Amino acid sequence: MSVIIAPSILSADFARLGEDVTHVLKAGADWVHFDVMDNHYVPNLTIGPVVLESLRHFGITAPIDVHLMISPVDPIVGEFAKAGASVISVHPEATLHLHRTLHLIKSHGCQCGVVLNPASPLELLLPVIHEVDLVLLMSVNPGFGGQKFIPSVLERIRRVRALLDQHHSSARLEVDGGITVDNIADVVRAGADTVVAGSAIFKSADYAATIHAMRQAAARSAG
């Protein structure tokens, strides 16, 4: 699989969000990563389905990868699906019945994912490994953008890649948190095929140059 680059709009310019997202996609990004925080499951408050719907109405047609850092998740899943989500990912700790939540996401026509925090046991993935379309490993503790990559997550990426291969899963392995031009090669080499980058792209002077440098580093690593 080719490496997907998904800029997180958590670091975008919200005063001109539609234009900024359009710009980053034209610069070579593949997906839009949409971080949703509730000031309950994580200590921050961000955006809801109306913002996602607005991006779709603005003309954004790229896949939108929704990361729900909220609890409970089930009551809001349908709203994000209706707003135009492509993939919806949830934390096992944020739902009482993970299997049910994943099937709820699928019932609304979206792909589903499981998110594991840096200290979450990888074993949480095993009961649903054949249900998910995406596994998202956090390489920072969720709640804020601009954090530094936690190096020990590289071993977790390798372990999850081995689990996915062992179970013949076609799920994508996404990594989110502190990914830059300097460390994306290590992340891809460890087994990731999808990377989220917020500050590294949206805070750069040239989106296209940064995405190109990331893609070149990832390609060299994958090759």
C-alpha atoms as a PDB file:
ATOM      1  CA  MET A   1       0.000   0.000   0.000  1.00  0.00           C
ATOM      2  CA  SER A   2       1.168   3.534  -0.726  1.00  0.00           C
ATOM      3  CA  VAL A   3       1.608   5.832   2.264  1.00  0.00           C
ATOM      4  CA  ILE A   4      -1.342   8.139   2.884  1.00  0.00           C
ATOM      5  CA  ILE A   5      -0.639  11.597   4.282  1.00  0.00           C
ATOM      6  CA  ALA A   6      -3.526  13.035   6.289  1.00  0.00           C
ATOM      7  CA  PRO A   7      -2.995  16.582   7.606  1.00  0.00           C
ATOM      8  CA  SER A   8      -4.862  17.286  10.838  1.00  0.00           C
ATOM      9  CA  ILE A   9      -7.023  20.379  10.618  1.00  0.00           C
ATOM     10  CA  LEU A  10      -6.460  20.885  14.346  1.00  0.00           C
ATOM     11  CA  SER A  11      -3.496  23.007  13.194  1.00  0.00           C
ATOM     12  CA  ALA A  12      -5.272  24.716  10.286  1.00  0.00           C
ATOM     13  CA  ASP A  13      -6.425  28.336  10.100  1.00  0.00           C
ATOM     14  CA  PHE A  14     -10.040  28.149  11.305  1.00  0.00           C
ATOM     15  CA  ALA A  15     -10.735  31.693  10.123  1.00  0.00           C
ATOM     16  CA  ARG A  16     -10.447  30.360   6.563  1.00  0.00           C
ATOM     17  CA  LEU A  17     -10.794  26.630   7.063  1.00  0.00           C
ATOM     18  CA  GLY A  18     -12.290  25.750   3.679  1.00  0.00           C
ATOM     19  CA  GLU A  19      -9.547  27.570   1.809  1.00  0.00           C
ATOM     20  CA  ASP A  20      -6.809  26.147   4.023  1.00  0.00           C
ATOM     21  CA  VAL A  21      -8.024  22.559   3.582  1.00  0.00           C
ATOM     22  CA  THR A  22      -8.350  23.081  -0.177  1.00  0.00           C
ATOM     23  CA  HIS A  23      -4.800  24.453  -0.247  1.00  0.00           C
ATOM     24  CA  VAL A  24      -3.335  21.480   1.635  1.00  0.00           C
ATOM     25  CA  LEU A  25      -5.117  18.982  -0.615  1.00  0.00           C
ATOM     26  CA  LYS A  26      -3.894  20.748  -3.743  1.00  0.00           C
ATOM     27  CA  ALA A  27      -0.423  20.617  -2.191  1.00  0.00           C
ATOM     28  CA  GLY A  28      -0.550  16.816  -2.285  1.00  0.00           C
ATOM     29  CA  ALA A  29      -2.337  15.591   0.851  1.00  0.00           C
ATOM     30  CA  ASP A  30      -4.500  12.486   0.495  1.00  0.00           C
ATOM     31  CA  TRP A  31      -6.982  12.644   3.386  1.00  0.00           C
ATOM     32  CA  VAL A  32      -8.273  15.245   5.820  1.00  0.00           C
ATOM     33  CA  HIS A  33      -7.818  14.262   9.481  1.00  0.00           C
ATOM     34  CA  PHE A  34     -10.614  15.629  11.654  1.00  0.00           C
ATOM     35  CA  ASP A  35      -9.914  15.699  15.413  1.00  0.00           C
ATOM     36  CA  VAL A  36     -12.946  15.857  17.691  1.00  0.00           C
ATOM     37  CA  MET A  37     -12.369  16.576  21.403  1.00  0.00           C
ATOM     38  CA  ASP A  38     -15.020  16.968  24.099  1.00  0.00           C
ATOM     39  CA  ASN A  39     -13.221  18.395  27.164  1.00  0.00           C
ATOM     40  CA  HIS A  40     -14.248  15.195  28.943  1.00  0.00           C
ATOM     41  CA  TYR A  41     -12.443  12.210  27.458  1.00  0.00           C
ATOM     42  CA  VAL A  42      -9.562  14.583  26.671  1.00  0.00           C
ATOM     43  CA  PRO A  43      -8.773  18.006  28.198  1.00  0.00           C
ATOM     44  CA  ASN A  44      -9.661  20.130  25.197  1.00  0.00           C
ATOM     45  CA  LEU A  45     -12.706  21.169  23.157  1.00  0.00           C
ATOM     46  CA  THR A  46     -12.622  21.372  19.375  1.00  0.00           C
ATOM     47  CA  ILE A  47     -15.212  20.897  16.631  1.00  0.00           C
ATOM     48  CA  GLY A  48     -18.375  18.987  15.785  1.00  0.00           C
ATOM     49  CA  PRO A  49     -20.297  17.607  12.810  1.00  0.00           C
ATOM     50  CA  VAL A  50     -21.478  21.019  11.619  1.00  0.00           C
ATOM     51  CA  VAL A  51     -17.869  21.936  10.764  1.00  0.00           C
ATOM     52  CA  LEU A  52     -17.426  18.698   8.827  1.00  0.00           C
ATOM     53  CA  GLU A  53     -20.675  19.330   6.961  1.00  0.00           C
ATOM     54  CA  SER A  54     -19.483  22.837   6.150  1.00  0.00           C
ATOM     55  CA  LEU A  55     -16.290  21.463   4.601  1.00  0.00           C
ATOM     56  CA  ARG A  56     -18.343  19.145   2.401  1.00  0.00           C
ATOM     57  CA  HIS A  57     -20.596  22.028   1.366  1.00  0.00           C
ATOM     58  CA  PHE A  58     -17.494  24.089   0.630  1.00  0.00           C
ATOM     59  CA  GLY A  59     -16.509  21.433  -1.905  1.00  0.00           C
ATOM     60  CA  ILE A  60     -14.054  19.184  -0.074  1.00  0.00           C
ATOM     61  CA  THR A  61     -14.424  15.725  -1.651  1.00  0.00           C
ATOM     62  CA  ALA A  62     -11.318  14.013  -0.238  1.00  0.00           C
ATOM     63  CA  PRO A  63     -11.775  11.295   2.400  1.00  0.00           C
ATOM     64  CA  ILE A  64     -12.353  12.800   5.851  1.00  0.00           C
ATOM     65  CA  ASP A  65     -10.855  10.709   8.629  1.00  0.00           C
ATOM     66  CA  VAL A  66     -12.746  11.472  11.867  1.00  0.00           C
ATOM     67  CA  HIS A  67     -10.994  10.748  15.171  1.00  0.00           C
ATOM     68  CA  LEU A  68     -13.544  10.854  18.000  1.00  0.00           C
ATOM     69  CA  MET A  69     -11.900  11.718  21.312  1.00  0.00           C
ATOM     70  CA  ILE A  70     -15.254  11.827  23.069  1.00  0.00           C
ATOM     71  CA  SER A  71     -17.229   9.757  25.548  1.00  0.00           C
ATOM     72  CA  PRO A  72     -19.823   8.438  25.069  1.00  0.00           C
ATOM     73  CA  VAL A  73     -19.397   8.076  21.324  1.00  0.00           C
ATOM     74  CA  ASP A  74     -22.485   6.195  20.146  1.00  0.00           C
ATOM     75  CA  PRO A  75     -25.000   9.087  20.317  1.00  0.00           C
ATOM     76  CA  ILE A  76     -22.935  11.262  17.949  1.00  0.00           C
ATOM     77  CA  VAL A  77     -21.734   8.665  15.399  1.00  0.00           C
ATOM     78  CA  GLY A  78     -24.762   9.113  13.148  1.00  0.00           C
ATOM     79  CA  GLU A  79     -24.332  12.889  13.073  1.00  0.00           C
ATOM     80  CA  PHE A  80     -20.748  12.636  11.842  1.00  0.00           C
ATOM     81  CA  ALA A  81     -21.713  10.030   9.253  1.00  0.00           C
ATOM     82  CA  LYS A  82     -24.543  12.237   8.016  1.00  0.00           C
ATOM     83  CA  ALA A  83     -22.180  15.223   7.882  1.00  0.00           C
ATOM     84  CA  GLY A  84     -19.880  13.387   5.462  1.00  0.00           C
ATOM     85  CA  ALA A  85     -17.307  11.352   7.398  1.00  0.00           C
ATOM     86  CA  SER A  86     -15.469   8.668   5.421  1.00  0.00           C
ATOM     87  CA  VAL A  87     -13.783   6.893   8.352  1.00  0.00           C
ATOM     88  CA  ILE A  88     -14.777   7.175  12.025  1.00  0.00           C
ATOM     89  CA  SER A  89     -12.348   5.952  14.677  1.00  0.00           C
ATOM     90  CA  VAL A  90     -13.010   5.521  18.392  1.00  0.00           C
ATOM     91  CA  HIS A  91     -11.086   4.748  21.568  1.00  0.00           C
ATOM     92  CA  PRO A  92     -11.943   1.432  23.299  1.00  0.00           C
ATOM     93  CA  GLU A  93     -11.873   3.212  26.667  1.00  0.00           C
ATOM     94  CA  ALA A  94     -14.544   5.677  25.494  1.00  0.00           C
ATOM     95  CA  THR A  95     -17.271   3.112  24.800  1.00  0.00           C
ATOM     96  CA  LEU A  96     -18.813   0.355  26.900  1.00  0.00           C
ATOM     97  CA  HIS A  97     -19.255  -1.988  23.930  1.00  0.00           C
ATOM     98  CA  LEU A  98     -16.548  -1.549  21.293  1.00  0.00           C
ATOM     99  CA  HIS A  99     -17.849  -4.232  18.935  1.00  0.00           C
ATOM    100  CA  ARG A 100     -21.311  -2.643  18.959  1.00  0.00           C
ATOM    101  CA  THR A 101     -19.884   0.827  18.328  1.00  0.00           C
ATOM    102  CA  LEU A 102     -17.836  -0.366  15.350  1.00  0.00           C
ATOM    103  CA  HIS A 103     -20.894  -1.987  13.806  1.00  0.00           C
ATOM    104  CA  LEU A 104     -22.891   1.182  14.467  1.00  0.00           C
ATOM    105  CA  ILE A 105     -20.307   3.115  12.454  1.00  0.00           C
ATOM    106  CA  LYS A 106     -20.522   0.591   9.617  1.00  0.00           C
ATOM    107  CA  SER A 107     -24.329   0.703   9.672  1.00  0.00           C
ATOM    108  CA  HIS A 108     -24.099   4.388   8.750  1.00  0.00           C
ATOM    109  CA  GLY A 109     -21.973   3.588   5.695  1.00  0.00           C
ATOM    110  CA  CYS A 110     -18.575   4.634   7.076  1.00  0.00           C
ATOM    111  CA  GLN A 111     -15.390   2.684   7.558  1.00  0.00           C
ATOM    112  CA  CYS A 112     -14.480   2.112  11.201  1.00  0.00           C
ATOM    113  CA  GLY A 113     -11.289   2.353  13.195  1.00  0.00           C
ATOM    114  CA  VAL A 114      -9.895   1.737  16.664  1.00  0.00           C
ATOM    115  CA  VAL A 115      -7.560   4.221  18.346  1.00  0.00           C
ATOM    116  CA  LEU A 116      -4.938   3.146  20.879  1.00  0.00           C
ATOM    117  CA  ASN A 117      -3.264   5.675  23.169  1.00  0.00           C
ATOM    118  CA  PRO A 118       0.449   5.341  24.038  1.00  0.00           C
ATOM    119  CA  ALA A 119      -0.391   3.408  27.235  1.00  0.00           C
ATOM    120  CA  SER A 120      -3.399   1.464  25.931  1.00  0.00           C
ATOM    121  CA  PRO A 121      -2.818  -2.305  25.849  1.00  0.00           C
ATOM    122  CA  LEU A 122      -2.451  -3.527  22.286  1.00  0.00           C
ATOM    123  CA  GLU A 123      -4.539  -6.531  23.295  1.00  0.00           C
ATOM    124  CA  LEU A 124      -7.614  -4.274  23.139  1.00  0.00           C
ATOM    125  CA  LEU A 125      -7.381  -4.619  19.358  1.00  0.00           C
ATOM    126  CA  LEU A 126      -7.535  -8.409  19.238  1.00  0.00           C
ATOM    127  CA  PRO A 127     -11.291  -8.992  19.790  1.00  0.00           C
ATOM    128  CA  VAL A 128     -12.151  -6.664  16.893  1.00  0.00           C
ATOM    129  CA  ILE A 129      -9.142  -7.050  14.626  1.00  0.00           C
ATOM    130  CA  HIS A 130     -11.303  -8.538  11.867  1.00  0.00           C
ATOM    131  CA  GLU A 131     -13.904  -5.772  12.191  1.00  0.00           C
ATOM    132  CA  VAL A 132     -11.750  -2.686  11.661  1.00  0.00           C
ATOM    133  CA  ASP A 133     -10.718  -0.879   8.501  1.00  0.00           C
ATOM    134  CA  LEU A 134      -8.106   1.199  10.312  1.00  0.00           C
ATOM    135  CA  VAL A 135      -5.974   1.056  13.445  1.00  0.00           C
ATOM    136  CA  LEU A 136      -4.805   4.441  14.712  1.00  0.00           C
ATOM    137  CA  LEU A 137      -1.836   4.463  17.073  1.00  0.00           C
ATOM    138  CA  MET A 138      -1.378   7.686  18.991  1.00  0.00           C
ATOM    139  CA  SER A 139       2.268   8.726  19.236  1.00  0.00           C
ATOM    140  CA  VAL A 140       1.366  11.482  21.702  1.00  0.00           C
ATOM    141  CA  ASN A 141      -1.204  11.547  24.471  1.00  0.00           C
ATOM    142  CA  PRO A 142      -4.423  12.851  22.892  1.00  0.00           C
ATOM    143  CA  GLY A 143      -5.835  16.273  23.615  1.00  0.00           C
ATOM    144  CA  PHE A 144      -3.476  18.849  22.126  1.00  0.00           C
ATOM    145  CA  GLY A 145      -1.665  19.524  18.880  1.00  0.00           C
ATOM    146  CA  GLY A 146       2.015  20.357  18.580  1.00  0.00           C
ATOM    147  CA  GLN A 147       3.315  17.646  20.927  1.00  0.00           C
ATOM    148  CA  LYS A 148       6.569  15.726  20.444  1.00  0.00           C
ATOM    149  CA  PHE A 149       6.600  12.166  19.110  1.00  0.00           C
ATOM    150  CA  ILE A 150       6.981   9.487  21.817  1.00  0.00           C
ATOM    151  CA  PRO A 151       9.857   7.242  20.572  1.00  0.00           C
ATOM    152  CA  SER A 152       8.615   4.090  22.331  1.00  0.00           C
ATOM    153  CA  VAL A 153       5.607   4.088  19.990  1.00  0.00           C
ATOM    154  CA  LEU A 154       7.862   2.793  17.197  1.00  0.00           C
ATOM    155  CA  GLU A 155       7.916  -0.621  18.871  1.00  0.00           C
ATOM    156  CA  ARG A 156       4.120  -0.491  19.215  1.00  0.00           C
ATOM    157  CA  ILE A 157       3.855   0.193  15.467  1.00  0.00           C
ATOM    158  CA  ARG A 158       5.992  -2.864  14.755  1.00  0.00           C
ATOM    159  CA  ARG A 159       3.882  -5.026  17.064  1.00  0.00           C
ATOM    160  CA  VAL A 160       0.580  -3.894  15.549  1.00  0.00           C
ATOM    161  CA  ARG A 161       1.907  -4.397  12.032  1.00  0.00           C
ATOM    162  CA  ALA A 162       2.851  -7.959  13.021  1.00  0.00           C
ATOM    163  CA  LEU A 163      -0.618  -8.540  14.478  1.00  0.00           C
ATOM    164  CA  LEU A 164      -2.358  -7.248  11.358  1.00  0.00           C
ATOM    165  CA  ASP A 165      -0.180  -9.430   9.143  1.00  0.00           C
ATOM    166  CA  GLN A 166      -0.659 -12.454  11.374  1.00  0.00           C
ATOM    167  CA  HIS A 167      -4.445 -12.084  11.189  1.00  0.00           C
ATOM    168  CA  HIS A 168      -4.395 -11.342   7.437  1.00  0.00           C
ATOM    169  CA  SER A 169      -6.029  -7.961   8.048  1.00  0.00           C
ATOM    170  CA  SER A 170      -6.121  -5.362   5.303  1.00  0.00           C
ATOM    171  CA  ALA A 171      -6.734  -2.546   7.822  1.00  0.00           C
ATOM    172  CA  ARG A 172      -4.580   0.508   7.405  1.00  0.00           C
ATOM    173  CA  LEU A 173      -2.148   1.317  10.208  1.00  0.00           C
ATOM    174  CA  GLU A 174      -2.257   5.032  10.960  1.00  0.00           C
ATOM    175  CA  VAL A 175       0.011   6.959  13.341  1.00  0.00           C
ATOM    176  CA  ASP A 176      -0.814  10.375  14.765  1.00  0.00           C
ATOM    177  CA  GLY A 177       1.235  12.741  16.889  1.00  0.00           C
ATOM    178  CA  GLY A 178       4.473  14.645  16.421  1.00  0.00           C
ATOM    179  CA  ILE A 179       5.224  13.299  12.949  1.00  0.00           C
ATOM    180  CA  THR A 180       7.629  15.451  10.949  1.00  0.00           C
ATOM    181  CA  VAL A 181       9.860  15.266   7.893  1.00  0.00           C
ATOM    182  CA  ASP A 182      12.621  14.096  10.223  1.00  0.00           C
ATOM    183  CA  ASN A 183      10.851  11.067  11.732  1.00  0.00           C
ATOM    184  CA  ILE A 184       8.309   9.940   9.139  1.00  0.00           C
ATOM    185  CA  ALA A 185      10.812   7.452   7.686  1.00  0.00           C
ATOM    186  CA  ASP A 186      11.129   5.713  11.056  1.00  0.00           C
ATOM    187  CA  VAL A 187       7.341   5.552  11.392  1.00  0.00           C
ATOM    188  CA  VAL A 188       6.864   4.040   7.934  1.00  0.00           C
ATOM    189  CA  ARG A 189       9.795   1.667   8.380  1.00  0.00           C
ATOM    190  CA  ALA A 190       8.155   0.375  11.556  1.00  0.00           C
ATOM    191  CA  GLY A 191       5.019  -0.526   9.602  1.00  0.00           C
ATOM    192  CA  ALA A 192       2.708   2.482   9.300  1.00  0.00           C
ATOM    193  CA  ASP A 193       1.028   3.105   5.954  1.00  0.00           C
ATOM    194  CA  THR A 194      -0.949   6.202   6.943  1.00  0.00           C
ATOM    195  CA  VAL A 195       0.415   9.227   8.799  1.00  0.00           C
ATOM    196  CA  VAL A 196      -1.270  12.218  10.383  1.00  0.00           C
ATOM    197  CA  ALA A 197       0.656  15.480  10.539  1.00  0.00           C
ATOM    198  CA  GLY A 198      -0.806  18.719  11.822  1.00  0.00           C
ATOM    199  CA  SER A 199       1.716  21.321  12.903  1.00  0.00           C
ATOM    200  CA  ALA A 200       4.453  19.960  10.627  1.00  0.00           C
ATOM    201  CA  ILE A 201       2.337  20.771   7.567  1.00  0.00           C
ATOM    202  CA  PHE A 202      -0.068  23.556   8.500  1.00  0.00           C
ATOM    203  CA  LYS A 203       2.574  25.561  10.352  1.00  0.00           C
ATOM    204  CA  SER A 204       5.089  25.255   7.516  1.00  0.00           C
ATOM    205  CA  ALA A 205       5.738  28.048   5.042  1.00  0.00           C
ATOM    206  CA  ASP A 206       5.139  25.812   2.019  1.00  0.00           C
ATOM    207  CA  TYR A 207       2.584  22.977   2.301  1.00  0.00           C
ATOM    208  CA  ALA A 208       3.594  21.401  -0.994  1.00  0.00           C
ATOM    209  CA  ALA A 209       7.309  21.372  -0.177  1.00  0.00           C
ATOM    210  CA  THR A 210       6.674  19.834   3.246  1.00  0.00           C
ATOM    211  CA  ILE A 211       4.313  17.156   1.925  1.00  0.00           C
ATOM    212  CA  HIS A 212       6.727  16.363  -0.899  1.00  0.00           C
ATOM    213  CA  ALA A 213       9.616  15.989   1.568  1.00  0.00           C
ATOM    214  CA  MET A 214       7.479  13.720   3.755  1.00  0.00           C
ATOM    215  CA  ARG A 215       6.420  11.619   0.795  1.00  0.00           C
ATOM    216  CA  GLN A 216       9.991  11.283  -0.444  1.00  0.00           C
ATOM    217  CA  ALA A 217      11.219  10.210   3.013  1.00  0.00           C
ATOM    218  CA  ALA A 218       8.355   7.732   3.351  1.00  0.00           C
ATOM    219  CA  ALA A 219       8.991   6.293  -0.117  1.00  0.00           C
ATOM    220  CA  ARG A 220      12.686   5.776   0.579  1.00  0.00           C
ATOM    221  CA  SER A 221      11.839   4.056   3.842  1.00  0.00           C
ATOM    222  CA  ALA A 222       9.141   1.848   2.333  1.00  0.00           C
ATOM    223  CA  GLY A 223      11.396   0.940  -0.552  1.00  0.00           C
END
